[in-house]
Amino acid sequence: MDEVSIGAAPGLAGSGPQEQPQRTLRKVADLPGPKGSPVMGNAKAINSTRFHRVLEDWSREFGPLYRFRILHRNVMVTAERDVIAALLRDRPETMRRPSRTSRMLEEMGTRGLFSVEGDEWRRQRKLVMRALTPEVIHNFFPTLVAYTERLRLRWHSAVAAGRPVDLARDLKAYTLDVTVGLAMGQDLNSLENEDNPLQRDIEFLFNRLARRLTTPFAYWRVPLLKRAVDREADAAAARIRQAILGFIAEARRRMERNPALRQKPSNMLEALIVACEEGGEGAGAGFGDEVVVGNAITMVFAGEDTTSNSIAWLIDFLARQPREAEALAAESARVLGQAAVLDDYRSLDQLHYLDAATREAMRLKPVAPIMALQPTRDITLGDVAVPAGTIIFCLLRHCAERGGEFEQAEQFRPERWLDGAGGAGDDPARKLFPFGGGPRFCPGRYLAMAEIKMAMAMLAKNFILEAMPGAAPAEETFTFTMTPSTLPVRLRAR
């Protein structure tokens, strides 16, 4: 198989097959890296919930291109932004998600856009993009308003009664309700009810998936080693699948009663069903209910923790920086007017400071600080020959940190992203990877930003954030996403 050049040392020359001058290439094993045990290598670091920090610290010690070892396998790490951008652009032809990750996702019933590759990915991408258009989000907007108002009333009631607000828990419930509402057309109301069976199964399965992704050995595939918790994960996946099949049948009955939903679907499930039933050369031609089920579950897994953690990190910054919090409150009051919750879809685009604050929080505390990729064929990365199947970790946060482009880079400064900042506002898309990059750019980014703006504008308009005196600061913990260990923030009515 022909080798593909991703970059030529010292910088990036581009991607795709090209003529290369004769030069001596290094092997991955030749790269600098941390010492490990003769048998296990550096496997012990994988068990840490600070794995992302370990990789970033090693990059500071060994440089932007290094390796570490798990058993007999060398793993490559890069913190070069141009290289990372090229790798992301080369998906799905030359680069893919690690096969180990894809297999784990599919074991839990989530064979959807996140895990498939190649031609199947291209076809499912068209299908899912049809189901996540701005028009679909627009049609869902009244439901998003209702869910945000429910969150406001819950917090208002707690503050009025002098009860503490568990912000992290409520944000997770809010984003789960929104994601399930859009993905499946169902109102779990996990914000007010914590005993919904589907919610319990989703939370349990998500937590098991996070554990498995950071476990070096897939012991659960060996029948004699499989534990009770793994058998329960299988049962939870089966129950979720049956529930979604029921939602699909319900959606079809709803669309039969109201044919207008075929032209203007009110949620992702309806849009997927319409696309799959089109036949011919349509985006969903040849797909059945299994693809709908897989993508509905994928939507929930990909959209819940990522969005709630993004909001939580932003709240943590604002609680410690009153000037920025008041700037956001002033903007929210102006845009919302007399409304307690933003109720005009067009007003989302008027929250410029909130957008800048969100981008800045994503720069400092991205929910995906690292990303793993795997070449489908032999490639040349700079001056390194990388065999097909080698795991490559991309340090998405550290690549921006080390670029030296941000003044006072360690500080939370939303104004750096505003128009006029430094002469002209910076473009986050050229410097950050909060939603990935290249052809596999996150299709749910529009919904995520809408959720963040709805929740934060409501919060800033109606409440004052205060850091809890003497509380331990939030620490970064990494499983499936980078999560704050705690959210030591309290609310006061404005």
Protein backbone atom coordinates (compact mmCIF):
# COMPACT_ATOMS: atom_id res chain seq x y z
CA MET A 1 0.00 0.00 0.00
CA ASP A 2 1.29 3.46 -0.87
CA GLU A 3 2.53 5.66 1.92
CA VAL A 4 0.80 9.02 2.48
CA SER A 5 2.66 12.15 3.56
CA ILE A 6 0.89 14.27 6.19
CA GLY A 7 3.70 16.74 6.70
CA ALA A 8 7.35 17.37 6.05
CA ALA A 9 9.70 18.48 8.80
CA PRO A 10 9.94 20.97 10.30
CA GLY A 11 6.50 22.27 9.36
CA LEU A 12 3.48 20.96 7.50
CA ALA A 13 3.59 20.73 3.73
CA GLY A 14 0.06 19.48 3.26
CA SER A 15 -1.76 16.17 3.11
CA GLY A 16 -2.43 13.53 0.54
CA PRO A 17 -0.04 11.53 -1.68
CA GLN A 18 2.86 13.60 -3.01
CA GLU A 19 6.39 13.19 -4.27
CA GLN A 20 8.87 13.25 -1.41
CA PRO A 21 12.61 13.89 -1.56
CA GLN A 22 14.77 11.04 -0.36
CA ARG A 23 15.44 11.51 3.31
CA THR A 24 16.06 9.41 6.38
CA LEU A 25 12.86 8.88 8.33
CA ARG A 26 12.66 8.22 12.02
CA LYS A 27 10.54 5.44 13.48
CA VAL A 28 7.93 6.15 16.14
CA ALA A 29 10.14 4.25 18.60
CA ASP A 30 12.94 6.76 17.90
CA LEU A 31 10.94 9.68 19.28
CA PRO A 32 11.67 10.99 22.77
CA GLY A 33 9.28 9.99 25.52
CA PRO A 34 8.83 8.92 29.14
CA LYS A 35 10.47 5.83 30.52
CA GLY A 36 8.20 2.97 31.48
CA SER A 37 8.40 -0.51 32.92
CA PRO A 38 9.88 -3.20 30.65
CA VAL A 39 6.58 -5.12 30.44
CA MET A 40 3.76 -2.62 30.99
CA GLY A 41 5.42 0.45 29.51
CA ASN A 42 3.47 3.56 30.57
CA ALA A 43 0.13 1.75 30.96
CA LYS A 44 -0.26 2.86 34.56
CA ALA A 45 -0.82 6.47 33.42
CA ILE A 46 -3.88 5.39 31.43
CA ASN A 47 -5.75 4.61 34.63
CA SER A 48 -5.53 8.20 35.81
CA THR A 49 -8.50 10.56 35.56
CA ARG A 50 -5.82 13.13 34.79
CA PHE A 51 -4.60 11.29 31.71
CA HIS A 52 -4.95 14.44 29.59
CA ARG A 53 -2.74 16.34 32.02
CA VAL A 54 -0.17 13.56 31.90
CA LEU A 55 0.02 13.84 28.12
CA GLU A 56 0.27 17.65 28.29
CA ASP A 57 3.00 17.49 30.94
CA TRP A 58 4.97 14.98 28.86
CA SER A 59 4.70 17.34 25.88
CA ARG A 60 6.21 20.15 27.95
CA GLU A 61 9.07 17.80 28.85
CA PHE A 62 9.66 15.97 25.57
CA GLY A 63 8.40 18.43 22.97
CA PRO A 64 5.44 18.68 20.59
CA LEU A 65 6.08 15.26 19.04
CA TYR A 66 6.85 12.29 21.31
CA ARG A 67 5.83 8.73 22.07
CA PHE A 68 4.88 6.56 25.03
CA ARG A 69 4.36 2.81 25.27
CA ILE A 70 1.50 0.50 26.28
CA LEU A 71 2.87 -3.04 26.58
CA HIS A 72 4.68 -3.57 23.25
CA ARG A 73 2.81 -0.84 21.33
CA ASN A 74 4.19 2.64 20.78
CA VAL A 75 1.65 5.47 20.94
CA MET A 76 2.42 8.79 19.25
CA VAL A 77 1.47 12.24 20.58
CA THR A 78 1.46 15.58 18.74
CA ALA A 79 0.86 19.12 19.97
CA GLU A 80 1.59 20.80 16.59
CA ARG A 81 -1.57 22.68 15.62
CA ASP A 82 -0.92 22.59 11.86
CA VAL A 83 -0.25 18.86 12.02
CA ILE A 84 -3.43 18.30 14.05
CA ALA A 85 -5.46 20.35 11.56
CA ALA A 86 -4.07 18.26 8.69
CA LEU A 87 -4.84 15.01 10.50
CA LEU A 88 -8.42 16.14 11.09
CA ARG A 89 -8.78 17.15 7.44
CA ASP A 90 -7.64 13.68 6.33
CA ARG A 91 -10.61 11.92 7.93
CA PRO A 92 -12.08 9.50 6.96
CA GLU A 93 -9.76 8.51 4.09
CA THR A 94 -6.37 8.45 5.84
CA MET A 95 -7.32 8.98 9.50
CA ARG A 96 -10.08 7.40 11.55
CA ARG A 97 -11.27 7.13 15.11
CA PRO A 98 -9.35 4.33 16.88
CA SER A 99 -10.92 0.97 16.11
CA ARG A 100 -10.89 0.14 19.83
CA THR A 101 -13.07 3.18 20.59
CA SER A 102 -15.47 2.43 17.74
CA ARG A 103 -15.87 -1.17 18.85
CA MET A 104 -16.65 -0.12 22.43
CA LEU A 105 -19.30 2.32 21.23
CA GLU A 106 -20.90 -0.28 19.01
CA GLU A 107 -20.89 -2.85 21.81
CA MET A 108 -23.23 -0.49 23.66
CA GLY A 109 -25.64 -0.06 20.77
CA THR A 110 -24.31 3.23 19.46
CA ARG A 111 -23.41 2.30 15.89
CA GLY A 112 -23.96 5.75 14.48
CA LEU A 113 -22.14 8.69 12.98
CA PHE A 114 -19.61 8.87 15.83
CA SER A 115 -18.28 5.33 15.32
CA VAL A 116 -18.70 4.44 11.64
CA GLU A 117 -16.03 5.11 9.02
CA GLY A 118 -15.48 5.37 5.28
CA ASP A 119 -18.41 5.31 2.87
CA GLU A 120 -20.86 4.42 5.65
CA TRP A 121 -19.79 7.56 7.49
CA ARG A 122 -20.37 9.70 4.38
CA ARG A 123 -23.88 8.34 3.97
CA GLN A 124 -24.77 8.66 7.65
CA ARG A 125 -23.29 12.16 7.75
CA LYS A 126 -25.76 13.30 5.07
CA LEU A 127 -28.56 11.65 7.00
CA VAL A 128 -27.69 13.23 10.35
CA MET A 129 -27.03 16.66 8.85
CA ARG A 130 -30.56 16.51 7.43
CA ALA A 131 -31.79 15.90 10.98
CA LEU A 132 -29.75 18.68 12.64
CA THR A 133 -30.29 21.59 10.28
CA PRO A 134 -30.88 25.08 11.72
CA GLU A 135 -34.51 24.66 10.59
CA VAL A 136 -34.95 21.56 12.77
CA ILE A 137 -33.39 23.43 15.72
CA HIS A 138 -35.70 26.37 14.96
CA ASN A 139 -38.75 24.09 15.04
CA PHE A 140 -37.52 22.67 18.36
CA PHE A 141 -36.89 26.14 19.83
CA PRO A 142 -40.25 26.50 21.69
CA THR A 143 -39.42 23.28 23.55
CA LEU A 144 -35.94 24.61 24.35
CA VAL A 145 -37.56 27.76 25.77
CA ALA A 146 -39.89 25.65 27.93
CA TYR A 147 -37.03 23.54 29.29
CA THR A 148 -34.98 26.65 30.09
CA GLU A 149 -37.93 28.22 31.89
CA ARG A 150 -38.29 25.02 33.91
CA LEU A 151 -34.66 25.34 34.93
CA ARG A 152 -35.18 29.00 35.91
CA LEU A 153 -38.21 28.18 38.05
CA ARG A 154 -36.34 25.40 39.82
CA TRP A 155 -33.46 27.72 40.68
CA HIS A 156 -35.78 30.60 41.61
CA SER A 157 -37.72 28.36 43.99
CA ALA A 158 -34.53 27.04 45.62
CA VAL A 159 -33.01 30.51 46.07
CA ALA A 160 -36.27 31.95 47.48
CA ALA A 161 -36.46 29.11 50.00
CA GLY A 162 -32.79 29.40 50.96
CA ARG A 163 -31.97 25.92 49.61
CA PRO A 164 -28.58 25.26 47.99
CA VAL A 165 -28.59 24.68 44.24
CA ASP A 166 -26.63 21.74 42.88
CA LEU A 167 -25.64 23.49 39.67
CA ALA A 168 -23.61 20.62 38.21
CA ARG A 169 -26.44 18.13 38.70
CA ASP A 170 -29.13 20.49 37.36
CA LEU A 171 -27.08 21.42 34.29
CA LYS A 172 -26.55 17.77 33.47
CA ALA A 173 -30.28 17.07 33.83
CA TYR A 174 -31.14 20.13 31.71
CA THR A 175 -28.85 19.14 28.83
CA LEU A 176 -30.05 15.54 29.01
CA ASP A 177 -33.67 16.70 28.77
CA VAL A 178 -32.84 18.96 25.82
CA THR A 179 -30.84 16.29 24.00
CA VAL A 180 -33.45 13.57 24.48
CA GLY A 181 -36.18 16.06 23.57
CA LEU A 182 -34.54 16.94 20.28
CA ALA A 183 -33.19 13.48 19.51
CA MET A 184 -36.30 11.46 20.40
CA GLY A 185 -39.19 13.86 20.92
CA GLN A 186 -39.59 12.75 24.55
CA ASP A 187 -39.71 14.88 27.71
CA LEU A 188 -37.78 12.94 30.36
CA ASN A 189 -37.95 15.87 32.80
CA SER A 190 -34.95 14.45 34.61
CA LEU A 191 -34.51 17.97 36.03
CA GLU A 192 -37.44 17.40 38.41
CA ASN A 193 -37.65 13.58 38.37
CA GLU A 194 -34.58 11.52 39.12
CA ASP A 195 -36.26 8.10 38.93
CA ASN A 196 -37.00 7.86 35.19
CA PRO A 197 -35.89 4.34 34.09
CA LEU A 198 -34.61 5.54 30.71
CA GLN A 199 -32.58 8.30 32.37
CA ARG A 200 -31.03 5.79 34.77
CA ASP A 201 -30.10 3.47 31.91
CA ILE A 202 -28.60 6.31 29.85
CA GLU A 203 -26.54 7.61 32.78
CA PHE A 204 -25.39 4.11 33.74
CA LEU A 205 -24.40 3.20 30.19
CA PHE A 206 -22.59 6.49 29.65
CA ASN A 207 -20.58 5.99 32.85
CA ARG A 208 -19.68 2.42 31.86
CA LEU A 209 -18.57 3.61 28.44
CA ALA A 210 -16.33 6.26 30.03
CA ARG A 211 -14.79 3.62 32.31
CA ARG A 212 -14.17 1.23 29.42
CA LEU A 213 -12.52 3.88 27.26
CA THR A 214 -9.90 4.48 29.96
CA THR A 215 -9.38 0.78 30.74
CA PRO A 216 -6.27 -0.64 29.01
CA PHE A 217 -7.67 -4.17 28.72
CA ALA A 218 -11.12 -5.15 27.39
CA TYR A 219 -11.66 -7.81 30.06
CA TRP A 220 -15.46 -7.78 29.58
CA ARG A 221 -15.07 -9.56 26.23
CA VAL A 222 -13.78 -12.63 28.07
CA PRO A 223 -16.86 -14.52 29.41
CA LEU A 224 -15.07 -15.75 32.54
CA LEU A 225 -13.92 -12.21 33.41
CA LYS A 226 -17.17 -10.41 32.70
CA ARG A 227 -18.55 -8.84 35.87
CA ALA A 228 -22.10 -8.19 37.00
CA VAL A 229 -21.76 -4.50 36.16
CA ASP A 230 -20.87 -5.42 32.56
CA ARG A 231 -23.86 -7.73 32.22
CA GLU A 232 -26.04 -4.89 33.52
CA ALA A 233 -24.52 -2.62 30.86
CA ASP A 234 -25.63 -5.11 28.20
CA ALA A 235 -29.12 -5.19 29.70
CA ALA A 236 -29.29 -1.37 29.88
CA ALA A 237 -28.25 -1.11 26.21
CA ALA A 238 -31.01 -3.56 25.27
CA ARG A 239 -33.62 -1.61 27.25
CA ILE A 240 -32.57 1.70 25.65
CA ARG A 241 -32.82 0.12 22.20
CA GLN A 242 -36.33 -1.17 22.89
CA ALA A 243 -37.40 2.23 24.25
CA ILE A 244 -36.17 4.02 21.12
CA LEU A 245 -37.88 1.51 18.84
CA GLY A 246 -41.06 2.41 20.72
CA PHE A 247 -40.36 6.12 20.18
CA ILE A 248 -39.88 5.45 16.46
CA ALA A 249 -43.26 3.73 16.25
CA GLU A 250 -44.83 6.58 18.21
CA ALA A 251 -43.24 9.16 15.89
CA ARG A 252 -44.58 7.38 12.83
CA ARG A 253 -48.10 7.42 14.30
CA ARG A 254 -47.68 11.12 15.13
CA MET A 255 -46.62 11.91 11.57
CA GLU A 256 -49.56 9.94 10.18
CA ARG A 257 -51.90 12.11 12.23
CA ASN A 258 -50.03 15.28 11.30
CA PRO A 259 -48.46 14.94 7.80
CA ALA A 260 -47.04 18.48 8.08
CA LEU A 261 -44.33 17.02 10.35
CA ARG A 262 -42.84 15.35 7.29
CA GLN A 263 -42.12 18.78 5.86
CA LYS A 264 -41.14 20.39 9.17
CA PRO A 265 -39.90 17.73 11.61
CA SER A 266 -40.02 18.85 15.23
CA ASN A 267 -37.14 16.64 16.36
CA MET A 268 -34.22 14.57 15.09
CA LEU A 269 -36.10 11.27 15.24
CA GLU A 270 -38.82 12.53 12.91
CA ALA A 271 -36.23 13.97 10.53
CA LEU A 272 -34.29 10.67 10.46
CA ILE A 273 -37.47 8.69 9.81
CA VAL A 274 -38.46 10.97 6.93
CA ALA A 275 -34.99 10.74 5.38
CA CYS A 276 -34.88 6.94 5.72
CA GLU A 277 -38.31 6.52 4.14
CA GLU A 278 -37.54 8.71 1.13
CA GLY A 279 -35.87 5.92 -0.83
CA GLY A 280 -34.28 6.53 -4.21
CA GLU A 281 -31.13 8.64 -3.99
CA GLY A 282 -32.10 10.39 -0.75
CA ALA A 283 -29.73 10.76 2.21
CA GLY A 284 -31.38 7.90 4.08
CA ALA A 285 -31.83 5.51 1.15
CA GLY A 286 -31.20 1.95 2.30
CA PHE A 287 -31.09 2.77 6.01
CA GLY A 288 -33.49 1.18 8.46
CA ASP A 289 -34.52 1.64 12.07
CA GLU A 290 -31.18 0.34 13.42
CA VAL A 291 -29.41 3.40 12.00
CA VAL A 292 -32.07 5.64 13.53
CA VAL A 293 -31.62 3.93 16.91
CA GLY A 294 -27.82 4.12 16.77
CA ASN A 295 -27.77 7.81 15.91
CA ALA A 296 -30.40 8.70 18.51
CA ILE A 297 -28.26 7.09 21.23
CA THR A 298 -25.11 8.67 19.78
CA MET A 299 -26.78 12.08 19.91
CA VAL A 300 -27.54 11.66 23.62
CA PHE A 301 -24.06 10.40 24.51
CA ALA A 302 -22.32 13.10 22.46
CA GLY A 303 -24.56 15.98 23.56
CA GLU A 304 -25.19 15.61 27.29
CA ASP A 305 -21.90 15.80 29.20
CA THR A 306 -20.13 17.89 26.58
CA THR A 307 -22.65 20.73 26.81
CA SER A 308 -23.30 20.59 30.56
CA ASN A 309 -19.56 20.59 31.30
CA SER A 310 -18.98 23.52 28.94
CA ILE A 311 -21.63 25.52 30.84
CA ALA A 312 -20.19 24.43 34.20
CA TRP A 313 -16.66 25.57 33.33
CA LEU A 314 -18.01 28.92 32.08
CA ILE A 315 -19.96 29.41 35.33
CA ASP A 316 -16.84 28.60 37.35
CA PHE A 317 -14.87 31.32 35.54
CA LEU A 318 -17.64 33.93 35.84
CA ALA A 319 -18.16 33.28 39.56
CA ARG A 320 -14.53 34.20 40.16
CA GLN A 321 -14.51 37.22 37.83
CA PRO A 322 -17.37 39.61 38.74
CA ARG A 323 -16.48 42.18 36.07
CA GLU A 324 -16.96 39.66 33.27
CA ALA A 325 -20.09 38.29 34.96
CA GLU A 326 -21.64 41.76 35.09
CA ALA A 327 -20.76 42.41 31.44
CA LEU A 328 -22.66 39.25 30.55
CA ALA A 329 -25.57 40.24 32.81
CA ALA A 330 -25.83 43.63 31.10
CA GLU A 331 -25.87 42.07 27.65
CA SER A 332 -28.45 39.47 28.70
CA ALA A 333 -30.72 42.14 30.18
CA ARG A 334 -30.51 44.16 26.97
CA VAL A 335 -31.20 41.22 24.64
CA LEU A 336 -33.90 39.55 26.75
CA GLY A 337 -35.69 42.78 27.62
CA GLN A 338 -38.68 42.03 29.87
CA ALA A 339 -38.46 38.27 29.30
CA ALA A 340 -36.92 36.06 31.98
CA VAL A 341 -35.87 33.53 29.31
CA LEU A 342 -34.83 34.29 25.76
CA ASP A 343 -37.92 33.61 23.65
CA ASP A 344 -36.94 34.97 20.24
CA TYR A 345 -34.90 32.55 18.14
CA ARG A 346 -33.26 35.41 16.23
CA SER A 347 -31.90 36.92 19.44
CA LEU A 348 -29.42 34.08 19.89
CA ASP A 349 -27.16 35.86 17.40
CA GLN A 350 -27.22 39.07 19.46
CA LEU A 351 -25.43 37.55 22.47
CA HIS A 352 -21.96 38.56 21.29
CA TYR A 353 -20.27 38.81 24.69
CA LEU A 354 -21.73 35.48 25.77
CA ASP A 355 -20.42 33.89 22.58
CA ALA A 356 -16.96 35.33 23.30
CA ALA A 357 -17.06 34.16 26.94
CA THR A 358 -18.07 30.66 25.81
CA ARG A 359 -15.20 30.51 23.32
CA GLU A 360 -12.76 31.66 26.01
CA ALA A 361 -13.99 29.01 28.46
CA MET A 362 -13.63 26.41 25.72
CA ARG A 363 -10.06 27.58 25.11
CA LEU A 364 -9.05 27.17 28.73
CA LYS A 365 -11.27 24.23 29.70
CA PRO A 366 -12.27 22.30 26.57
CA VAL A 367 -14.39 19.23 27.28
CA ALA A 368 -12.21 17.40 24.74
CA PRO A 369 -8.62 18.44 25.54
CA ILE A 370 -7.26 15.42 23.66
CA MET A 371 -8.39 13.35 20.69
CA ALA A 372 -7.17 9.97 19.50
CA LEU A 373 -6.80 9.12 15.80
CA GLN A 374 -5.49 6.13 13.89
CA PRO A 375 -4.08 6.07 10.33
CA THR A 376 -5.72 3.62 7.95
CA ARG A 377 -2.46 3.22 6.00
CA ASP A 378 1.23 3.91 6.45
CA ILE A 379 1.87 7.66 6.63
CA THR A 380 4.75 10.06 7.02
CA LEU A 381 4.18 12.61 9.78
CA GLY A 382 6.89 15.24 9.49
CA ASP A 383 10.05 13.16 9.36
CA VAL A 384 8.52 10.17 11.14
CA ALA A 385 7.31 7.01 9.41
CA VAL A 386 4.04 6.03 11.11
CA PRO A 387 2.69 2.52 10.43
CA ALA A 388 -1.01 1.98 9.79
CA GLY A 389 -2.93 1.36 13.03
CA THR A 390 -0.65 3.49 15.24
CA ILE A 391 -2.64 5.44 17.83
CA ILE A 392 -1.95 9.19 17.60
CA PHE A 393 -3.10 11.45 20.43
CA CYS A 394 -3.72 15.07 19.41
CA LEU A 395 -3.33 17.56 22.27
CA LEU A 396 -6.12 19.94 21.25
CA ARG A 397 -5.75 22.31 24.20
CA HIS A 398 -1.99 22.25 24.53
CA CYS A 399 -1.46 23.00 20.84
CA ALA A 400 -3.14 26.39 21.41
CA GLU A 401 -1.29 26.99 24.69
CA ARG A 402 2.14 26.47 23.20
CA GLY A 403 1.55 28.69 20.16
CA GLY A 404 2.27 31.85 22.13
CA GLU A 405 -0.45 33.75 20.27
CA PHE A 406 -2.56 34.69 23.27
CA GLU A 407 -1.62 37.62 25.46
CA GLN A 408 -1.95 36.63 29.14
CA ALA A 409 -2.93 33.19 27.90
CA GLU A 410 -3.61 31.81 31.38
CA GLN A 411 -6.32 34.42 32.07
CA PHE A 412 -10.02 34.24 31.25
CA ARG A 413 -10.49 37.23 28.93
CA PRO A 414 -13.62 37.02 26.72
CA GLU A 415 -12.82 40.33 25.04
CA ARG A 416 -10.00 38.69 23.09
CA TRP A 417 -12.66 37.13 20.82
CA LEU A 418 -14.75 40.27 20.30
CA ASP A 419 -14.63 42.36 17.13
CA GLY A 420 -12.04 45.06 17.60
CA ALA A 421 -9.94 43.04 20.04
CA GLY A 422 -6.30 43.49 19.06
CA GLY A 423 -7.35 45.38 15.94
CA ALA A 424 -9.84 42.72 14.83
CA GLY A 425 -11.46 39.95 16.82
CA ASP A 426 -9.73 36.59 16.59
CA ASP A 427 -11.48 33.75 14.79
CA PRO A 428 -11.78 30.77 17.19
CA ALA A 429 -12.20 28.34 14.29
CA ARG A 430 -8.62 29.02 13.19
CA LYS A 431 -7.06 28.58 16.63
CA LEU A 432 -9.23 26.18 18.63
CA PHE A 433 -10.80 22.76 18.11
CA PRO A 434 -13.77 22.74 20.54
CA PHE A 435 -15.95 20.90 18.00
CA GLY A 436 -13.22 18.97 16.23
CA GLY A 437 -12.28 19.91 12.69
CA GLY A 438 -12.19 18.81 9.09
CA PRO A 439 -14.99 16.77 7.50
CA ARG A 440 -15.94 15.23 10.87
CA PHE A 441 -16.62 18.61 12.46
CA CYS A 442 -19.31 18.09 15.14
CA PRO A 443 -22.78 18.20 13.52
CA GLY A 444 -24.39 19.10 16.86
CA ARG A 445 -22.39 22.30 17.42
CA TYR A 446 -25.33 24.56 16.55
CA LEU A 447 -27.57 22.90 19.15
CA ALA A 448 -24.78 22.98 21.75
CA MET A 449 -24.22 26.71 21.30
CA ALA A 450 -27.98 27.35 21.41
CA GLU A 451 -28.27 25.43 24.72
CA ILE A 452 -25.31 27.26 26.24
CA LYS A 453 -26.67 30.66 25.23
CA MET A 454 -30.20 29.89 26.46
CA ALA A 455 -29.05 28.64 29.87
CA MET A 456 -26.37 31.28 30.46
CA ALA A 457 -28.49 34.25 29.30
CA MET A 458 -31.25 33.10 31.65
CA LEU A 459 -28.77 32.67 34.49
CA ALA A 460 -27.07 36.03 33.97
CA LYS A 461 -30.38 37.90 33.63
CA ASN A 462 -31.99 36.45 36.78
CA PHE A 463 -29.19 35.48 39.18
CA ILE A 464 -25.87 36.61 40.59
CA LEU A 465 -23.03 34.09 40.72
CA GLU A 466 -20.87 33.90 43.84
CA ALA A 467 -17.88 31.68 44.50
CA MET A 468 -18.35 29.75 47.76
CA PRO A 469 -15.90 31.11 50.33
CA GLY A 470 -13.29 28.58 51.42
CA ALA A 471 -14.51 25.89 49.01
CA ALA A 472 -12.00 23.71 47.20
CA PRO A 473 -11.52 24.81 43.60
CA ALA A 474 -12.82 22.77 40.69
CA GLU A 475 -10.26 20.25 39.45
CA GLU A 476 -10.11 18.68 35.98
CA THR A 477 -11.12 15.02 35.80
CA PHE A 478 -11.09 13.15 32.51
CA THR A 479 -13.21 10.17 31.54
CA PHE A 480 -15.20 10.55 28.34
CA THR A 481 -15.07 14.35 28.66
CA MET A 482 -13.16 16.76 30.89
CA THR A 483 -15.42 17.37 33.88
CA PRO A 484 -15.07 19.76 36.84
CA SER A 485 -14.66 17.75 40.02
CA THR A 486 -16.97 20.21 41.80
CA LEU A 487 -18.76 23.47 41.05
CA PRO A 488 -18.32 25.62 44.18
CA VAL A 489 -20.75 28.35 43.10
CA ARG A 490 -23.94 29.62 44.67
CA LEU A 491 -26.80 31.72 43.29
CA ARG A 492 -28.45 34.87 44.52
CA ALA A 493 -31.55 36.41 43.00
CA ARG A 494 -30.82 39.49 40.94
